[in-house]
Amino acid sequence: MKGLDALLGLDGETFFVDANGHYRVKFVVKRVKADERKPHGLNYSLTLHDKSGERIVGFDNAHPVPTQGDRLVRNASSTTTGNCLR
């Protein structure tokens, strides 16, 4: 359980990832009831933000893992530069 405790310890932490302090990563990690989608009982989010606070990219377990036949599509309403699952 040390690994999960280490992740939970990151909840609310923000780290600057460049020497000028323009880019930062933010962690949100919460314990939730374990289920099929979240077997470890964690809800997590890791996001990268620019100096204005705009989210550039993010990773989380808010959506189920895609299965065969799912596809990636660009989210036209998103301000991020990446793709998201729809």
Protein backbone atom coordinates (compact mmCIF):
# COMPACT_ATOMS: atom_id res chain seq x y z
CA MET A 1 0.00 0.00 0.00
CA LYS A 2 2.98 2.36 0.17
CA GLY A 3 2.53 3.26 -3.51
CA LEU A 4 -1.11 4.28 -3.09
CA ASP A 5 -0.28 6.22 0.07
CA ALA A 6 2.43 8.06 -1.86
CA LEU A 7 -0.11 9.01 -4.54
CA LEU A 8 -2.61 10.15 -1.91
CA GLY A 9 0.15 12.29 -0.41
CA LEU A 10 0.35 14.23 -3.69
CA ASP A 11 -3.26 15.44 -3.43
CA GLY A 12 -3.35 19.22 -3.84
CA GLU A 13 0.37 19.49 -4.68
CA THR A 14 1.59 21.75 -7.46
CA PHE A 15 5.12 21.58 -8.86
CA PHE A 16 6.80 23.98 -11.27
CA VAL A 17 8.48 22.07 -14.09
CA ASP A 18 10.62 24.75 -15.70
CA ALA A 19 13.27 27.11 -14.36
CA ASN A 20 11.15 30.22 -15.08
CA GLY A 21 8.05 28.97 -13.29
CA HIS A 22 5.89 29.18 -16.40
CA TYR A 23 4.65 25.58 -16.40
CA ARG A 24 3.34 23.58 -13.48
CA VAL A 25 1.77 20.21 -12.81
CA LYS A 26 -1.12 19.81 -10.42
CA PHE A 27 -2.20 16.62 -8.66
CA VAL A 28 -5.65 15.77 -7.35
CA VAL A 29 -5.88 12.31 -5.75
CA LYS A 30 -8.86 11.18 -3.67
CA ARG A 31 -9.78 7.86 -2.11
CA VAL A 32 -13.13 6.54 -3.41
CA LYS A 33 -15.01 3.29 -3.07
CA ALA A 34 -13.26 0.62 -5.15
CA ASP A 35 -15.27 -0.68 -8.09
CA GLU A 36 -14.70 -2.24 -11.50
CA ARG A 37 -13.59 1.07 -13.07
CA LYS A 38 -11.43 2.13 -10.11
CA PRO A 39 -10.22 -1.13 -8.56
CA HIS A 40 -7.58 0.62 -6.44
CA GLY A 41 -10.15 2.96 -4.93
CA LEU A 42 -8.52 6.14 -6.21
CA ASN A 43 -9.84 9.03 -8.26
CA TYR A 44 -6.90 10.95 -9.76
CA SER A 45 -6.03 13.82 -12.04
CA LEU A 46 -2.63 15.05 -13.22
CA THR A 47 -2.70 18.26 -15.26
CA LEU A 48 -0.11 20.53 -16.88
CA HIS A 49 -0.84 24.28 -16.86
CA ASP A 50 0.88 27.25 -18.50
CA LYS A 51 1.78 30.50 -16.71
CA SER A 52 -1.72 31.93 -17.22
CA GLY A 53 -3.23 28.85 -15.56
CA GLU A 54 -4.65 27.39 -18.77
CA ARG A 55 -4.73 23.60 -18.79
CA ILE A 56 -2.51 22.25 -21.56
CA VAL A 57 -2.91 18.52 -21.03
CA GLY A 58 -4.33 16.23 -18.40
CA PHE A 59 -4.57 12.60 -17.38
CA ASP A 60 -7.26 11.16 -15.13
CA ASN A 61 -9.45 8.15 -14.54
CA ALA A 62 -12.77 9.98 -14.85
CA HIS A 63 -13.75 7.97 -17.93
CA PRO A 64 -13.63 4.24 -18.59
CA VAL A 65 -10.67 2.82 -20.50
CA PRO A 66 -11.55 2.64 -24.21
CA THR A 67 -12.40 -0.79 -25.55
CA GLN A 68 -11.88 -2.16 -29.02
CA GLY A 69 -13.94 -0.12 -31.46
CA ASP A 70 -13.71 3.14 -29.48
CA ARG A 71 -11.90 5.98 -31.21
CA LEU A 72 -10.19 9.21 -30.35
CA VAL A 73 -11.79 12.38 -31.66
CA ARG A 74 -10.86 16.02 -31.29
CA ASN A 75 -13.04 17.86 -28.80
CA ALA A 76 -13.94 21.02 -30.73
CA SER A 77 -15.11 22.85 -27.61
CA SER A 78 -11.91 22.12 -25.67
CA THR A 79 -9.18 24.70 -25.11
CA THR A 80 -6.58 21.96 -24.65
CA THR A 81 -4.22 21.03 -27.41
CA GLY A 82 -4.70 17.29 -27.13
CA ASN A 83 -7.36 14.80 -28.11
CA CYS A 84 -9.98 13.44 -25.77
CA LEU A 85 -12.27 10.45 -25.73
CA ARG A 86 -15.85 10.99 -26.82
